[in-house]
Amino acid sequence: MLTISKTDYILFRECKKNVWLKMHRPDIYDKSELSEFEKSIIETGNEVEFLARKLFSAGVLIEGRGKDAQELTQKYLATIAEGTGLPRANPPTGGLAMTGGGQVLFQPIFVRDGFLAAVDILEYDTEKGGYNIYEVKATNEIKEKIHFYDLAFQVNLLRKCDIKICGIKVLHLNPDYIRSGELDLKNMFVIEDVTEGVEKLVDEVSAEMDGALEYLSAKTEPVGYCSCITKSRNNHCATFSYSNPDVPEYSIHDIARIGSSKKKLQQLIDANIFKFEEIPEEIEFSEIQRNQIDAYVLDKILIEKELIRKEFEELVFPLYFLDYETCPAAVPRFDGYSPYQQIPFQYSLHKLALPSAKLEHFDFLHTKSDDPSRPLAESLQKHVGDKGTIIAWNKKFECNINKKLAERLPEFKIFMDSVNSRIYDLMDVFSKQYFVHKHFKGSTSIKCVLPVLVPKLSYKDLHIQEGGTASQSWDKIALGDISKEEKDKIAKDLLAYCELDTFAMYAIWRELENIIS
């Protein structure tokens, strides 16, 4: 018999056909391998859940998902029901008993009527004679559209198993927590009682579960498009191209901000229009959207030379092209950090003293396991003078890093404030649509702009080609579980990647200068 997990159910709510292919056609579903970023999300979830267990004075961890784990779950439930108490098996080290002295199971497995769930934390409430369900989330807030439905699935399943539910709670990271010394788990986590909100969804979710079981049990593949056909490109499922073969690689789903224009997207889909050249002229779009469409359909390049010239006239030499690489640790590693606050571990800086001067390059990479903040700030201050424009790509990110550095290192506040006051965002040229090209495909990412303006430069030959991989690579260095040879190789790859980011900015600026001259 088919078994649907709570993860399958959440995916089913997003795209039914995608989950059917996952279960019946893994040869198609598994073609899209997990990225390094997706793997890191899983690892982060495991780390946060491990720490969350320490909030309980003791508990039994049930490992695995198979028959043995299911039988062990029932054995411990029977022990609790008999009132004999759980054995003190594998209690979390340094348990804090934040939630009281109830008996706790970590990852108990429940299977009934074709549904399966591993409950993150199940706590027996001796006063109420029932159980509290805790869902541990490695997020800074509750996401009702996901977390509530996840919990409602578990409540339905446990009630099928005759488990009395007294309370339903989400245990998540506290965005206001700032580490100082050893981790303070009581303040790093927040426990929110969501019983009322989840109970309102239980009947709806019960019906959806039955519908999912019927849909996913079908032996014949569902016909037609998958439900992601009505979503923007970033929200497409793993099997979108298979289920929607009529949709080209660059389609109406790539129109800027089309996700917030659902009626317009639905209108095009209902007319079976997916290609840019098929879009009727009478359909109204925003100026940004229309420029993107016209650039592709008419094969024209939009260049507002005078507007670019005005922007560049404000730049003051020397020019500094700056880029940071950072790591967003869910669990704060160092003093002064909050959950998911970016750890700046690297920068690249290209300096052009005068238009005709030789380009200089400086960089910094922290390869130790302590906080990089101070050595990075000291290095940057040594190479950035008190005059000149500092050019970044998406300056909001760099400015926020500088702001947080100043908060952790007050002695650098004047310097960091000065840097932020002098930053110019080169991406503005493209986000303001002073330059529109069909091969940008509606994106203002430097990875899309560079191949058009400076085709001789490319990230394709680098071992690290994007920020997510850079972050995970540095994590390996910081955690120190690798050989010196691997550490040296990663460091070399990180330096090459970050250097290309700032040289790419310089090259794009130089090309725009040539165009407007």
Protein backbone atom coordinates (compact mmCIF):
# COMPACT_ATOMS: atom_id res chain seq x y z
CA MET A 1 0.00 0.00 0.00
CA LEU A 2 1.15 3.52 -0.80
CA THR A 3 2.37 5.51 2.21
CA ILE A 4 2.28 9.31 2.25
CA SER A 5 4.61 11.13 4.62
CA LYS A 6 3.98 14.60 6.00
CA THR A 7 6.71 15.86 3.65
CA ASP A 8 4.89 14.30 0.70
CA TYR A 9 1.67 15.97 1.83
CA ILE A 10 3.26 19.43 2.01
CA LEU A 11 4.77 18.92 -1.46
CA PHE A 12 1.37 17.68 -2.67
CA ARG A 13 -0.21 20.95 -1.61
CA GLU A 14 2.34 22.78 -3.74
CA CYS A 15 2.19 20.53 -6.83
CA LYS A 16 0.23 17.26 -6.99
CA LYS A 17 1.75 15.89 -10.16
CA ASN A 18 5.29 16.49 -8.93
CA VAL A 19 4.67 14.19 -5.95
CA TRP A 20 3.02 11.55 -8.16
CA LEU A 21 6.20 11.51 -10.27
CA LYS A 22 8.31 11.35 -7.10
CA MET A 23 6.52 8.18 -6.05
CA HIS A 24 5.90 6.46 -9.39
CA ARG A 25 8.61 7.84 -11.69
CA PRO A 26 11.71 8.42 -9.57
CA ASP A 27 13.75 8.19 -12.77
CA ILE A 28 12.25 11.57 -13.71
CA TYR A 29 12.02 13.13 -10.26
CA ASP A 30 15.59 12.27 -9.24
CA LYS A 31 17.11 13.90 -12.32
CA SER A 32 17.27 17.18 -10.42
CA GLU A 33 19.87 16.61 -7.73
CA LEU A 34 19.90 18.59 -4.53
CA SER A 35 22.08 21.68 -4.72
CA GLU A 36 24.71 22.45 -2.08
CA PHE A 37 22.33 25.09 -0.74
CA GLU A 38 19.45 22.60 -0.43
CA LYS A 39 21.73 20.12 1.32
CA SER A 40 22.77 22.83 3.76
CA ILE A 41 19.12 23.51 4.60
CA ILE A 42 18.70 19.86 5.59
CA GLU A 43 21.88 19.94 7.69
CA THR A 44 20.74 23.17 9.37
CA GLY A 45 17.39 21.60 10.24
CA ASN A 46 19.15 18.63 11.83
CA GLU A 47 21.45 20.90 13.86
CA VAL A 48 18.57 23.04 15.15
CA GLU A 49 16.47 20.00 16.06
CA PHE A 50 19.40 18.46 17.96
CA LEU A 51 19.74 21.62 20.06
CA ALA A 52 15.98 21.91 20.58
CA ARG A 53 15.96 18.49 22.25
CA LYS A 54 18.23 19.90 24.95
CA LEU A 55 15.35 22.04 26.16
CA PHE A 56 13.89 18.87 27.65
CA SER A 57 15.41 17.30 30.75
CA ALA A 58 15.31 13.81 29.25
CA GLY A 59 13.86 11.98 26.31
CA VAL A 60 14.10 8.89 24.18
CA LEU A 61 15.26 9.27 20.59
CA ILE A 62 13.75 6.79 18.15
CA GLU A 63 16.03 6.38 15.16
CA GLY A 64 14.98 5.20 11.73
CA ARG A 65 11.67 5.09 9.88
CA GLY A 66 11.18 1.35 9.40
CA LYS A 67 9.19 -1.35 11.17
CA ASP A 68 11.59 -1.53 14.14
CA ALA A 69 11.19 2.20 14.82
CA GLN A 70 7.40 1.91 14.55
CA GLU A 71 7.32 -0.99 17.02
CA LEU A 72 9.66 0.83 19.42
CA THR A 73 7.35 3.85 19.34
CA GLN A 74 4.37 1.71 20.31
CA LYS A 75 6.39 0.04 23.06
CA TYR A 76 7.27 3.38 24.67
CA LEU A 77 3.71 4.69 24.30
CA ALA A 78 2.48 1.60 26.12
CA THR A 79 5.04 2.21 28.85
CA ILE A 80 3.75 5.74 29.33
CA ALA A 81 0.15 4.56 29.34
CA GLU A 82 0.95 2.00 32.03
CA GLY A 83 2.41 4.78 34.15
CA THR A 84 5.74 3.04 34.60
CA GLY A 85 7.67 5.86 32.97
CA LEU A 86 10.15 5.91 30.13
CA PRO A 87 13.65 4.53 30.57
CA ARG A 88 16.37 7.13 30.74
CA ALA A 89 17.61 6.19 27.32
CA ASN A 90 19.85 8.60 25.39
CA PRO A 91 18.77 11.78 27.26
CA PRO A 92 19.96 15.01 25.64
CA THR A 93 23.21 16.23 27.16
CA GLY A 94 22.65 19.12 29.53
CA GLY A 95 18.85 19.02 29.35
CA LEU A 96 17.31 22.27 30.57
CA ALA A 97 13.83 21.05 31.49
CA MET A 98 12.45 24.25 29.96
CA THR A 99 9.06 22.64 29.39
CA GLY A 100 8.56 20.80 32.64
CA GLY A 101 9.05 17.20 33.66
CA GLY A 102 6.85 15.42 31.13
CA GLN A 103 7.96 12.21 29.45
CA VAL A 104 9.32 12.88 25.98
CA LEU A 105 9.84 10.98 22.75
CA PHE A 106 12.00 12.40 19.97
CA GLN A 107 11.08 11.36 16.42
CA PRO A 108 8.40 8.76 17.31
CA ILE A 109 6.99 7.13 14.16
CA PHE A 110 3.29 6.80 13.42
CA VAL A 111 1.79 4.90 10.47
CA ARG A 112 -1.91 4.37 9.82
CA ASP A 113 -4.25 4.15 6.82
CA GLY A 114 -1.53 5.01 4.30
CA PHE A 115 -0.03 7.97 6.17
CA LEU A 116 3.30 8.28 7.98
CA ALA A 117 4.83 10.94 10.20
CA ALA A 118 7.80 11.29 12.51
CA VAL A 119 6.86 13.78 15.23
CA ASP A 120 9.78 16.04 16.14
CA ILE A 121 8.95 16.04 19.85
CA LEU A 122 6.07 14.29 21.61
CA GLU A 123 5.67 15.17 25.28
CA TYR A 124 3.29 13.44 27.66
CA ASP A 125 1.40 15.89 29.88
CA THR A 126 0.79 14.08 33.17
CA GLU A 127 -1.76 16.65 34.39
CA LYS A 128 -3.94 16.52 31.26
CA GLY A 129 -3.37 12.86 30.49
CA GLY A 130 -2.47 13.52 26.87
CA TYR A 131 0.33 14.64 24.59
CA ASN A 132 1.85 17.90 23.38
CA ILE A 133 3.18 17.93 19.84
CA TYR A 134 6.21 20.14 19.13
CA GLU A 135 7.26 20.92 15.58
CA VAL A 136 10.86 22.18 15.46
CA LYS A 137 11.52 24.71 12.72
CA ALA A 138 14.90 26.15 11.78
CA THR A 139 13.25 29.50 11.00
CA ASN A 140 12.98 32.84 12.74
CA GLU A 141 9.19 32.89 12.50
CA ILE A 142 6.12 30.71 11.99
CA LYS A 143 4.97 30.26 8.41
CA GLU A 144 1.30 29.42 8.81
CA LYS A 145 0.72 28.26 5.24
CA ILE A 146 3.33 25.53 5.73
CA HIS A 147 3.81 24.90 9.45
CA PHE A 148 0.12 24.82 10.40
CA TYR A 149 -0.72 22.35 7.63
CA ASP A 150 2.27 20.21 8.56
CA LEU A 151 1.04 20.04 12.15
CA ALA A 152 -2.59 19.44 11.15
CA PHE A 153 -1.40 16.41 9.15
CA GLN A 154 0.32 15.05 12.27
CA VAL A 155 -2.71 15.72 14.50
CA ASN A 156 -5.00 13.83 12.13
CA LEU A 157 -2.61 10.89 11.95
CA LEU A 158 -2.07 10.69 15.71
CA ARG A 159 -5.79 10.79 16.34
CA LYS A 160 -6.19 7.90 13.91
CA CYS A 161 -3.75 6.13 16.24
CA ASP A 162 -5.92 7.02 19.28
CA ILE A 163 -3.40 9.50 20.66
CA LYS A 164 -4.96 12.27 22.75
CA ILE A 165 -3.59 15.69 21.76
CA CYS A 166 -3.55 18.36 24.47
CA GLY A 167 -1.38 21.01 22.89
CA ILE A 168 0.16 21.85 19.53
CA LYS A 169 3.31 23.96 19.53
CA VAL A 170 6.01 25.31 17.24
CA LEU A 171 9.56 25.60 18.54
CA HIS A 172 11.57 28.02 16.39
CA LEU A 173 14.59 30.31 16.56
CA ASN A 174 14.31 33.70 18.23
CA PRO A 175 15.35 36.48 15.81
CA ASP A 176 15.95 38.86 18.74
CA TYR A 177 18.44 36.59 20.48
CA ILE A 178 22.04 37.86 20.41
CA ARG A 179 24.71 35.45 21.50
CA SER A 180 26.95 36.43 24.40
CA GLY A 181 29.19 33.67 25.68
CA GLU A 182 27.82 30.12 25.66
CA LEU A 183 24.60 29.44 23.76
CA ASP A 184 21.56 30.32 25.87
CA LEU A 185 19.06 27.83 24.44
CA LYS A 186 16.18 29.11 26.56
CA ASN A 187 16.48 32.50 24.88
CA MET A 188 17.64 31.27 21.48
CA PHE A 189 14.38 29.35 21.00
CA VAL A 190 10.77 30.49 21.14
CA ILE A 191 7.89 28.13 21.85
CA GLU A 192 4.55 29.28 20.44
CA ASP A 193 1.26 27.56 21.22
CA VAL A 194 -0.58 27.24 17.90
CA THR A 195 -3.27 24.82 19.04
CA GLU A 196 -6.20 27.06 18.11
CA GLY A 197 -4.93 27.88 14.63
CA VAL A 198 -4.03 24.29 13.76
CA GLU A 199 -7.31 22.86 15.12
CA LYS A 200 -9.22 25.11 12.69
CA LEU A 201 -7.45 23.36 9.81
CA VAL A 202 -7.76 19.77 10.99
CA ASP A 203 -10.96 18.92 9.08
CA GLU A 204 -9.75 20.64 5.90
CA VAL A 205 -6.43 18.82 6.08
CA SER A 206 -8.16 15.49 6.76
CA ALA A 207 -10.08 15.86 3.50
CA GLU A 208 -6.91 16.88 1.66
CA MET A 209 -5.08 13.83 3.02
CA ASP A 210 -7.79 11.51 1.68
CA GLY A 211 -7.68 13.33 -1.65
CA ALA A 212 -3.89 13.04 -1.76
CA LEU A 213 -4.04 9.30 -1.04
CA GLU A 214 -6.55 8.76 -3.83
CA TYR A 215 -4.61 10.93 -6.32
CA LEU A 216 -1.20 9.46 -5.54
CA SER A 217 -2.46 5.87 -5.51
CA ALA A 218 -3.46 6.08 -9.16
CA LYS A 219 -1.30 3.88 -11.36
CA THR A 220 -1.82 6.03 -14.44
CA GLU A 221 0.15 9.25 -14.74
CA PRO A 222 -2.02 12.39 -14.42
CA VAL A 223 -2.63 14.06 -17.78
CA GLY A 224 -1.80 17.68 -18.58
CA TYR A 225 0.16 20.48 -17.01
CA CYS A 226 1.23 20.45 -13.37
CA SER A 227 -0.19 23.11 -11.05
CA CYS A 228 3.06 25.11 -11.18
CA ILE A 229 2.00 26.31 -14.61
CA THR A 230 0.30 29.24 -12.85
CA LYS A 231 3.39 30.22 -10.81
CA SER A 232 6.42 32.35 -11.60
CA ARG A 233 9.69 30.61 -12.54
CA ASN A 234 11.22 30.66 -9.05
CA ASN A 235 8.28 28.69 -7.67
CA HIS A 236 8.30 25.82 -10.16
CA CYS A 237 8.59 22.22 -9.00
CA ALA A 238 11.48 19.87 -9.74
CA THR A 239 9.66 18.16 -12.63
CA PHE A 240 8.18 21.28 -14.26
CA SER A 241 9.90 20.89 -17.64
CA TYR A 242 8.71 17.27 -17.91
CA SER A 243 5.09 18.04 -17.03
CA ASN A 244 4.91 21.19 -19.12
CA PRO A 245 6.77 20.44 -22.37
CA ASP A 246 5.02 23.28 -24.24
CA VAL A 247 6.66 25.89 -22.00
CA PRO A 248 9.99 27.09 -23.40
CA GLU A 249 13.06 27.61 -21.24
CA TYR A 250 12.45 31.37 -21.40
CA SER A 251 8.72 31.95 -21.15
CA ILE A 252 5.96 34.18 -19.78
CA HIS A 253 6.86 32.76 -16.36
CA ASP A 254 10.09 34.79 -16.51
CA ILE A 255 8.38 38.16 -16.96
CA ALA A 256 9.48 40.45 -14.15
CA ARG A 257 7.11 40.37 -11.16
CA ILE A 258 4.64 38.16 -13.00
CA GLY A 259 4.09 36.27 -9.76
CA SER A 260 2.31 39.33 -8.34
CA SER A 261 0.17 39.58 -11.51
CA LYS A 262 -1.56 36.22 -11.18
CA LYS A 263 -4.63 37.25 -13.18
CA LYS A 264 -2.43 38.30 -16.08
CA LEU A 265 -0.44 35.08 -15.94
CA GLN A 266 -3.66 33.05 -15.78
CA GLN A 267 -5.05 35.02 -18.74
CA LEU A 268 -2.04 34.09 -20.87
CA ILE A 269 -2.17 30.44 -19.81
CA ASP A 270 -5.89 30.19 -20.56
CA ALA A 271 -5.09 31.42 -24.07
CA ASN A 272 -2.32 28.80 -24.33
CA ILE A 273 0.29 31.54 -24.70
CA PHE A 274 3.73 30.74 -23.33
CA LYS A 275 6.16 32.37 -25.76
CA PHE A 276 6.98 36.07 -25.71
CA GLU A 277 6.35 36.48 -29.41
CA GLU A 278 2.79 35.19 -28.98
CA ILE A 279 1.78 37.81 -26.41
CA PRO A 280 -0.93 40.11 -27.85
CA GLU A 281 0.01 43.78 -27.90
CA GLU A 282 -3.30 44.80 -26.35
CA ILE A 283 -2.50 43.14 -23.04
CA GLU A 284 -1.33 45.80 -20.60
CA PHE A 285 1.93 45.37 -18.74
CA SER A 286 3.98 47.60 -16.49
CA GLU A 287 6.74 49.60 -18.16
CA ILE A 288 9.38 47.25 -16.78
CA GLN A 289 7.51 44.20 -18.08
CA ARG A 290 6.80 45.75 -21.49
CA ASN A 291 10.46 46.73 -21.94
CA GLN A 292 11.51 43.16 -21.18
CA ILE A 293 8.99 41.74 -23.66
CA ASP A 294 9.87 44.23 -26.42
CA ALA A 295 13.60 43.65 -25.99
CA TYR A 296 13.03 39.98 -26.74
CA VAL A 297 10.30 40.16 -29.39
CA LEU A 298 11.76 43.10 -31.31
CA ASP A 299 15.34 42.01 -30.68
CA LYS A 300 16.27 45.52 -29.64
CA ILE A 301 18.62 46.84 -27.01
CA LEU A 302 17.33 49.65 -24.84
CA ILE A 303 20.10 52.00 -23.69
CA GLU A 304 19.39 55.27 -21.90
CA LYS A 305 22.84 56.75 -22.41
CA GLU A 306 22.10 60.14 -20.90
CA LEU A 307 20.63 58.63 -17.74
CA ILE A 308 23.63 56.33 -17.34
CA ARG A 309 25.94 59.28 -17.93
CA LYS A 310 24.23 61.28 -15.18
CA GLU A 311 24.64 58.37 -12.76
CA PHE A 312 28.32 57.95 -13.58
CA GLU A 313 29.05 61.68 -13.33
CA GLU A 314 28.35 61.39 -9.61
CA LEU A 315 31.10 58.79 -9.13
CA VAL A 316 34.27 60.06 -7.45
CA PHE A 317 37.76 58.62 -8.03
CA PRO A 318 39.34 56.52 -6.76
CA LEU A 319 36.71 53.90 -7.53
CA TYR A 320 36.55 50.83 -5.29
CA PHE A 321 34.69 47.73 -6.47
CA LEU A 322 33.70 45.77 -3.36
CA ASP A 323 32.07 42.38 -2.78
CA TYR A 324 31.58 40.31 0.39
CA GLU A 325 31.10 36.58 0.78
CA THR A 326 29.14 35.55 3.86
CA CYS A 327 27.74 32.54 5.69
CA PRO A 328 24.26 32.69 7.28
CA ALA A 329 24.57 30.44 10.34
CA ALA A 330 21.19 29.49 11.80
CA VAL A 331 22.79 28.86 15.19
CA PRO A 332 24.92 31.91 16.12
CA ARG A 333 28.55 30.84 16.29
CA PHE A 334 30.09 33.95 17.76
CA ASP A 335 29.24 36.69 20.23
CA GLY A 336 27.15 39.51 18.78
CA TYR A 337 25.35 37.37 16.21
CA SER A 338 21.65 36.48 15.95
CA PRO A 339 20.16 33.42 14.21
CA TYR A 340 20.84 33.55 10.46
CA GLN A 341 22.87 36.74 10.73
CA GLN A 342 25.46 36.74 7.96
CA ILE A 343 29.08 36.03 8.93
CA PRO A 344 31.31 38.05 6.56
CA PHE A 345 34.36 35.86 5.99
CA GLN A 346 35.80 37.28 2.75
CA TYR A 347 35.98 40.32 0.55
CA SER A 348 37.47 41.25 -2.80
CA LEU A 349 38.36 44.84 -3.66
CA HIS A 350 39.48 46.29 -6.97
CA LYS A 351 40.73 49.88 -6.89
CA LEU A 352 40.99 52.29 -9.82
CA ALA A 353 42.74 55.50 -8.71
CA LEU A 354 42.12 57.34 -12.00
CA PRO A 355 40.39 56.45 -15.30
CA SER A 356 43.75 55.71 -16.91
CA ALA A 357 45.44 54.17 -13.87
CA LYS A 358 46.38 50.55 -13.45
CA LEU A 359 43.74 48.48 -11.71
CA GLU A 360 44.81 47.25 -8.25
CA HIS A 361 43.41 44.25 -6.37
CA PHE A 362 43.19 43.49 -2.65
CA ASP A 363 41.45 40.65 -0.89
CA PHE A 364 40.83 39.00 2.44
CA LEU A 365 39.81 35.45 3.38
CA HIS A 366 39.44 34.21 6.95
CA THR A 367 40.56 30.60 7.23
CA LYS A 368 40.42 30.20 11.02
CA SER A 369 37.47 28.98 13.08
CA ASP A 370 36.95 32.18 15.11
CA ASP A 371 34.91 35.29 14.25
CA PRO A 372 36.24 36.96 11.07
CA SER A 373 34.70 40.38 11.88
CA ARG A 374 37.67 42.21 13.34
CA PRO A 375 40.42 41.02 10.96
CA LEU A 376 38.12 41.66 7.99
CA ALA A 377 37.30 45.20 9.17
CA GLU A 378 40.97 45.95 9.84
CA SER A 379 41.98 44.69 6.40
CA LEU A 380 39.25 46.65 4.64
CA GLN A 381 40.13 49.86 6.48
CA LYS A 382 43.74 49.47 5.39
CA HIS A 383 42.80 49.34 1.69
CA VAL A 384 39.83 51.72 1.44
CA GLY A 385 40.73 55.37 1.73
CA ASP A 386 38.48 58.13 3.09
CA LYS A 387 37.62 59.44 -0.39
CA GLY A 388 36.21 57.86 -3.53
CA THR A 389 33.09 55.96 -4.55
CA ILE A 390 32.66 52.37 -3.47
CA ILE A 391 30.80 50.34 -6.08
CA ALA A 392 28.78 47.25 -5.19
CA TRP A 393 26.16 45.08 -6.84
CA ASN A 394 22.95 45.16 -4.79
CA LYS A 395 24.39 47.59 -2.24
CA LYS A 396 21.67 46.85 0.33
CA PHE A 397 23.50 43.64 1.15
CA GLU A 398 26.96 45.20 1.59
CA CYS A 399 25.52 48.12 3.55
CA ASN A 400 23.78 45.79 5.97
CA ILE A 401 26.99 43.80 6.50
CA ASN A 402 28.81 47.04 7.29
CA LYS A 403 26.06 48.16 9.66
CA LYS A 404 26.25 44.90 11.61
CA LEU A 405 30.05 45.04 11.68
CA ALA A 406 29.80 48.49 13.26
CA GLU A 407 27.38 47.17 15.89
CA ARG A 408 29.77 44.37 16.85
CA LEU A 409 32.88 46.56 16.57
CA PRO A 410 31.94 50.10 17.73
CA GLU A 411 35.48 51.35 17.12
CA PHE A 412 34.88 50.83 13.38
CA LYS A 413 31.52 52.62 13.29
CA ILE A 414 32.87 55.89 11.81
CA PHE A 415 34.70 53.97 9.09
CA MET A 416 31.74 51.71 8.26
CA ASP A 417 29.32 54.65 8.19
CA SER A 418 31.68 56.41 5.81
CA VAL A 419 31.83 53.36 3.54
CA ASN A 420 28.04 53.09 3.45
CA SER A 421 27.62 56.77 2.65
CA ARG A 422 29.89 56.35 -0.39
CA ILE A 423 28.45 53.14 -1.86
CA TYR A 424 26.97 53.26 -5.35
CA ASP A 425 24.88 50.35 -6.63
CA LEU A 426 25.95 49.44 -10.17
CA MET A 427 22.92 47.16 -10.40
CA ASP A 428 20.76 50.31 -10.51
CA VAL A 429 21.65 50.80 -14.16
CA PHE A 430 19.84 47.56 -14.92
CA SER A 431 17.09 47.55 -12.25
CA LYS A 432 16.08 51.06 -13.38
CA GLN A 433 16.15 49.70 -16.96
CA TYR A 434 18.66 52.19 -18.31
CA PHE A 435 20.03 49.16 -20.15
CA VAL A 436 17.73 46.33 -21.28
CA HIS A 437 18.87 43.35 -23.34
CA LYS A 438 16.87 40.26 -24.28
CA HIS A 439 19.58 37.94 -23.00
CA PHE A 440 19.26 39.39 -19.48
CA LYS A 441 15.95 37.47 -19.45
CA GLY A 442 14.43 39.99 -17.09
CA SER A 443 17.15 39.50 -14.47
CA THR A 444 19.49 42.08 -12.97
CA SER A 445 21.89 39.46 -11.60
CA ILE A 446 25.53 40.05 -12.43
CA LYS A 447 25.63 36.43 -13.65
CA CYS A 448 23.12 37.40 -16.39
CA VAL A 449 24.51 40.84 -17.21
CA LEU A 450 28.20 39.90 -17.50
CA PRO A 451 27.93 37.43 -20.43
CA VAL A 452 26.11 40.10 -22.47
CA LEU A 453 28.36 43.08 -21.82
CA VAL A 454 31.67 41.28 -21.31
CA PRO A 455 31.34 37.84 -22.98
CA LYS A 456 35.04 37.04 -22.60
CA LEU A 457 34.56 36.81 -18.82
CA SER A 458 32.80 33.78 -17.38
CA TYR A 459 32.16 31.96 -14.12
CA LYS A 460 31.82 28.63 -15.93
CA ASP A 461 35.48 27.64 -15.54
CA LEU A 462 35.51 28.26 -11.78
CA HIS A 463 35.05 25.49 -9.25
CA ILE A 464 32.85 27.84 -7.21
CA GLN A 465 30.32 29.66 -9.36
CA GLU A 466 27.75 31.17 -6.99
CA GLY A 467 27.39 32.51 -3.45
CA GLY A 468 25.59 29.51 -1.94
CA THR A 469 28.45 27.19 -2.84
CA ALA A 470 30.97 29.75 -1.58
CA SER A 471 29.20 29.87 1.77
CA GLN A 472 29.10 26.09 2.15
CA SER A 473 32.73 25.79 1.06
CA TRP A 474 33.91 28.25 3.69
CA ASP A 475 31.84 26.38 6.27
CA LYS A 476 34.04 23.35 5.67
CA ILE A 477 37.12 25.45 6.39
CA ALA A 478 35.61 27.03 9.52
CA LEU A 479 34.47 23.72 10.99
CA GLY A 480 37.94 22.30 10.43
CA ASP A 481 36.96 18.73 9.51
CA ILE A 482 39.04 18.61 6.33
CA SER A 483 42.66 18.00 5.36
CA LYS A 484 45.14 20.82 4.78
CA GLU A 485 45.19 20.00 1.06
CA GLU A 486 41.41 20.33 0.77
CA LYS A 487 41.43 23.48 2.88
CA ASP A 488 44.07 25.08 0.62
CA LYS A 489 42.11 24.14 -2.50
CA ILE A 490 38.86 25.59 -1.15
CA ALA A 491 40.65 28.79 -0.15
CA LYS A 492 42.13 29.12 -3.65
CA ASP A 493 38.70 28.56 -5.24
CA LEU A 494 37.05 31.09 -2.93
CA LEU A 495 39.62 33.75 -3.73
CA ALA A 496 39.22 33.18 -7.47
CA TYR A 497 35.41 33.39 -7.27
CA CYS A 498 35.25 36.56 -5.19
CA GLU A 499 37.93 38.25 -7.29
CA LEU A 500 35.90 37.64 -10.44
CA ASP A 501 32.85 39.23 -8.79
CA THR A 502 34.61 42.56 -8.32
CA PHE A 503 36.54 42.41 -11.59
CA ALA A 504 33.22 41.72 -13.34
CA MET A 505 31.82 44.91 -11.81
CA TYR A 506 34.82 46.85 -13.04
CA ALA A 507 34.53 45.32 -16.51
CA ILE A 508 30.81 46.11 -16.72
CA TRP A 509 31.42 49.69 -15.55
CA ARG A 510 34.21 50.08 -18.10
CA GLU A 511 32.02 48.74 -20.92
CA LEU A 512 29.19 51.10 -19.98
CA GLU A 513 31.69 53.98 -19.96
CA ASN A 514 32.71 53.05 -23.49
CA ILE A 515 29.09 52.85 -24.60
CA ILE A 516 28.09 56.28 -23.27
CA SER A 517 31.25 57.99 -24.49
